[in-house]
């Protein structure tokens, strides 16, 4: 019976053990890789923004009284 209780305590000890910590510097390597990927995305976005034409047209200022709801006589404001 002593063998079973000893085996049971060993199994419990093994199950309670946490995973070993990652090697030193692993977090820095992961962070550097993520920063490099973000830098590549930013540069690609900037390159795309420089090469695509602007879709904004200059604003046209209309004289007052030319809008449809102002020009229609007898129409009540909403």
Protein backbone atom coordinates (compact mmCIF):
# COMPACT_ATOMS: atom_id res chain seq x y z
CA UNK A 1 0.00 0.00 0.00
CA UNK A 2 2.87 2.40 0.66
CA UNK A 3 3.91 2.22 -2.98
CA UNK A 4 0.48 3.41 -4.17
CA UNK A 5 0.39 6.36 -1.80
CA UNK A 6 3.93 7.31 -2.82
CA UNK A 7 3.03 7.03 -6.50
CA UNK A 8 -0.10 9.09 -5.92
CA UNK A 9 1.87 11.85 -4.20
CA UNK A 10 4.40 11.89 -7.07
CA UNK A 11 1.62 12.18 -9.65
CA UNK A 12 0.01 15.02 -7.69
CA UNK A 13 3.37 16.79 -7.48
CA UNK A 14 3.89 16.41 -11.24
CA UNK A 15 0.42 17.75 -12.03
CA UNK A 16 0.90 20.78 -9.78
CA UNK A 17 4.16 21.81 -11.39
CA UNK A 18 3.84 24.82 -13.63
CA UNK A 19 5.40 25.09 -17.06
CA UNK A 20 9.02 26.15 -16.99
CA UNK A 21 9.57 29.84 -17.72
CA UNK A 22 10.64 30.77 -21.24
CA UNK A 23 14.33 31.31 -21.88
CA UNK A 24 15.67 34.78 -21.06
CA UNK A 25 15.16 37.33 -23.82
CA UNK A 26 12.18 35.57 -25.39
CA UNK A 27 9.86 38.50 -24.67
CA UNK A 28 12.29 40.92 -26.27
CA UNK A 29 12.52 38.79 -29.40
CA UNK A 30 8.74 38.60 -29.71
CA UNK A 31 8.40 42.34 -29.13
CA UNK A 32 11.05 43.11 -31.76
CA UNK A 33 9.27 40.90 -34.30
CA UNK A 34 5.92 42.60 -33.61
CA UNK A 35 7.49 46.05 -33.92
CA UNK A 36 9.13 45.10 -37.22
CA UNK A 37 5.79 43.86 -38.58
CA UNK A 38 4.05 47.06 -37.45
CA UNK A 39 6.79 49.16 -39.07
CA UNK A 40 6.37 47.26 -42.35
CA UNK A 41 2.59 47.84 -42.26
CA UNK A 42 3.04 51.56 -41.58
CA UNK A 43 5.53 51.95 -44.40
CA UNK A 44 3.25 50.04 -46.79
CA UNK A 45 0.31 52.25 -45.80
CA UNK A 46 2.40 55.38 -46.31
CA UNK A 47 3.58 54.15 -49.70
CA UNK A 48 -0.03 53.44 -50.70
CA UNK A 49 -1.16 56.87 -49.50
CA UNK A 50 1.55 58.56 -51.59
CA UNK A 51 0.71 56.66 -54.77
CA UNK A 52 -3.09 56.83 -54.71
CA UNK A 53 -4.73 60.03 -56.02
CA UNK A 54 -6.64 62.23 -53.68
CA UNK A 55 -10.39 61.72 -53.93
CA UNK A 56 -11.30 65.08 -52.44
CA UNK A 57 -12.66 67.73 -54.75
CA UNK A 58 -12.38 71.40 -53.84
CA UNK A 59 -15.37 72.66 -51.91
CA UNK A 60 -17.77 74.70 -54.01
CA UNK A 61 -19.41 77.54 -52.15
CA UNK A 62 -22.98 78.14 -53.32
CA UNK A 63 -24.62 81.52 -53.00
CA UNK A 64 -27.35 81.67 -50.37
CA UNK A 65 -30.90 81.00 -51.49
CA UNK A 66 -29.97 78.42 -54.14
CA UNK A 67 -30.63 75.33 -52.06
CA UNK A 68 -33.78 73.42 -52.96
CA UNK A 69 -35.54 73.77 -49.62
CA UNK A 70 -34.86 77.53 -49.54
CA UNK A 71 -35.86 78.12 -53.15
CA UNK A 72 -39.20 76.33 -53.04
CA UNK A 73 -41.95 78.85 -52.18
CA UNK A 74 -44.68 77.78 -49.79
CA UNK A 75 -42.78 74.84 -48.43
CA UNK A 76 -42.66 74.60 -44.64
CA UNK A 77 -39.37 73.97 -42.87
CA UNK A 78 -39.09 70.63 -41.21
